[in-house]
Amino acid sequence: QVHLVESGGGLVQAGGSLRLSCAASGETFSDYTLGWFRQAPGKEQEFVAVINRSGGNTIYADSVKGRFTISRDNAKNMVYLQMNRLNPDDTAVYFCVAGGRGFTYHREMFEYWGQGTQVTVST
């Protein structure tokens, strides 16, 4: 299996930026599609971004497209989410996810989830 640990969350003012990191261990890191989901208070889990095994293809939710960038470094077993121009609607717990079944953005296809890191955007 794969173990995922997120870091980099915190409190930021609207318009600011944060960079989330996710460290992976376990089975071969490069074999997995990686991504980020988030869950705001009282809401369902929401897809944010996904990156394929080689890092050459990405998919973003419309709500973050143009503001967030997902990247990965297979040599370091790391995946990142650069978040710019944050707004209060981005407030959520952000989860790093991994899936070994292919390049996808559907929640049920990610079998491994981290514990999450809190991102709070203030006004």
Protein backbone atom coordinates (compact mmCIF):
# COMPACT_ATOMS: atom_id res chain seq x y z
CA GLN A 1 0.00 0.00 0.00
CA VAL A 2 0.88 3.70 -0.12
CA HIS A 3 1.10 6.02 2.88
CA LEU A 4 0.51 9.73 2.23
CA VAL A 5 1.25 12.68 4.54
CA GLU A 6 0.22 16.24 3.64
CA SER A 7 1.80 19.45 4.89
CA GLY A 8 1.82 23.16 4.13
CA GLY A 9 -1.69 24.14 5.13
CA GLY A 10 -2.44 27.18 7.21
CA LEU A 11 -4.21 30.51 7.43
CA VAL A 12 -3.89 33.01 4.59
CA GLN A 13 -5.69 36.18 3.55
CA ALA A 14 -7.80 36.29 0.41
CA GLY A 15 -5.62 36.83 -2.63
CA GLY A 16 -2.65 35.10 -1.06
CA SER A 17 -0.88 31.85 -1.86
CA LEU A 18 -0.02 28.55 -0.24
CA ARG A 19 1.97 25.54 -1.41
CA LEU A 20 0.85 22.12 -0.20
CA SER A 21 3.20 19.15 -0.17
CA CYS A 22 2.52 15.44 0.07
CA ALA A 23 5.16 12.86 0.94
CA ALA A 24 4.53 9.28 -0.15
CA SER A 25 5.98 5.99 0.99
CA GLY A 26 5.26 2.33 0.37
CA GLU A 27 4.79 0.87 -3.10
CA THR A 28 6.58 2.38 -6.07
CA PHE A 29 5.59 6.04 -6.18
CA SER A 30 5.84 6.46 -9.93
CA ASP A 31 3.24 3.72 -10.53
CA TYR A 32 0.42 5.88 -9.15
CA THR A 33 -1.78 8.62 -10.41
CA LEU A 34 -1.71 11.37 -7.76
CA GLY A 35 -4.15 14.09 -6.93
CA TRP A 36 -5.80 16.40 -4.47
CA PHE A 37 -9.34 16.47 -3.12
CA ARG A 38 -10.80 18.87 -0.61
CA GLN A 39 -13.72 18.96 1.80
CA ALA A 40 -15.22 22.18 3.12
CA PRO A 41 -17.31 22.24 6.32
CA GLY A 42 -20.74 20.77 5.69
CA LYS A 43 -19.94 19.83 2.09
CA GLU A 44 -19.00 16.68 0.20
CA GLN A 45 -15.49 15.85 -0.92
CA GLU A 46 -14.58 17.74 -4.08
CA PHE A 47 -12.05 16.96 -6.78
CA VAL A 48 -9.29 19.56 -7.11
CA ALA A 49 -6.53 18.30 -9.40
CA VAL A 50 -4.87 15.13 -10.68
CA ILE A 51 -1.54 14.35 -12.32
CA ASN A 52 -0.57 11.23 -14.22
CA ARG A 53 2.29 8.88 -13.46
CA SER A 54 4.93 10.64 -15.53
CA GLY A 55 3.71 14.13 -14.67
CA GLY A 56 2.98 15.02 -18.27
CA ASN A 57 -0.81 15.29 -18.01
CA THR A 58 -3.00 17.14 -15.53
CA ILE A 59 -6.70 17.77 -14.95
CA TYR A 60 -8.15 20.56 -12.81
CA ALA A 61 -11.56 21.31 -11.42
CA ASP A 62 -13.12 24.34 -13.08
CA SER A 63 -13.20 26.14 -9.74
CA VAL A 64 -9.40 26.13 -9.44
CA LYS A 65 -8.28 26.16 -13.07
CA GLY A 66 -5.81 28.96 -13.72
CA ARG A 67 -5.13 29.45 -10.01
CA PHE A 68 -3.80 26.08 -8.81
CA THR A 69 -0.93 24.02 -10.21
CA ILE A 70 -0.26 20.37 -9.40
CA SER A 71 3.21 18.90 -9.87
CA ARG A 72 5.17 15.84 -8.81
CA ASP A 73 8.76 14.82 -8.25
CA ASN A 74 9.03 11.05 -8.52
CA ALA A 75 12.69 11.07 -7.48
CA LYS A 76 11.68 12.63 -4.14
CA ASN A 77 8.35 10.76 -3.77
CA MET A 78 6.55 14.11 -3.53
CA VAL A 79 3.47 15.73 -5.03
CA TYR A 80 2.66 19.43 -4.67
CA LEU A 81 -0.25 21.81 -5.04
CA GLN A 82 0.61 25.46 -5.61
CA MET A 83 -2.44 27.57 -4.78
CA ASN A 84 -2.58 31.20 -5.90
CA ARG A 85 -5.22 33.92 -5.67
CA LEU A 86 -6.96 32.09 -2.87
CA ASN A 87 -10.48 33.05 -1.86
CA PRO A 88 -12.69 32.04 1.09
CA ASP A 89 -14.39 29.36 -1.03
CA ASP A 90 -11.05 27.52 -1.04
CA THR A 91 -11.27 26.98 2.72
CA ALA A 92 -11.27 23.22 3.26
CA VAL A 93 -9.29 20.23 4.42
CA TYR A 94 -7.09 19.21 1.50
CA PHE A 95 -6.35 15.53 0.96
CA CYS A 96 -3.55 14.00 -1.05
CA VAL A 97 -4.73 10.89 -2.93
CA ALA A 98 -3.13 8.06 -4.91
CA GLY A 99 -4.63 5.57 -7.33
CA GLY A 100 -3.03 2.67 -9.13
CA ARG A 101 -5.83 1.92 -11.62
CA GLY A 102 -5.15 4.61 -14.18
CA PHE A 103 -5.34 8.32 -14.90
CA THR A 104 -8.65 9.50 -13.45
CA TYR A 105 -10.31 12.21 -11.39
CA HIS A 106 -13.19 10.14 -9.98
CA ARG A 107 -13.11 9.81 -6.21
CA GLU A 108 -13.75 6.07 -6.10
CA MET A 109 -10.64 5.36 -8.19
CA PHE A 110 -8.25 6.61 -5.50
CA GLU A 111 -7.62 3.87 -2.99
CA TYR A 112 -5.14 5.76 -0.79
CA TRP A 113 -5.84 8.97 1.10
CA GLY A 114 -3.78 11.10 3.44
CA GLN A 115 -5.09 12.52 6.70
CA GLY A 116 -5.54 16.00 5.25
CA THR A 117 -4.20 19.48 5.93
CA GLN A 118 -6.37 22.48 6.80
CA VAL A 119 -6.40 25.52 4.53
CA THR A 120 -8.26 28.57 5.82
CA VAL A 121 -8.67 31.69 3.69
CA SER A 122 -9.76 34.77 5.61
CA THR A 123 -11.45 37.96 4.46
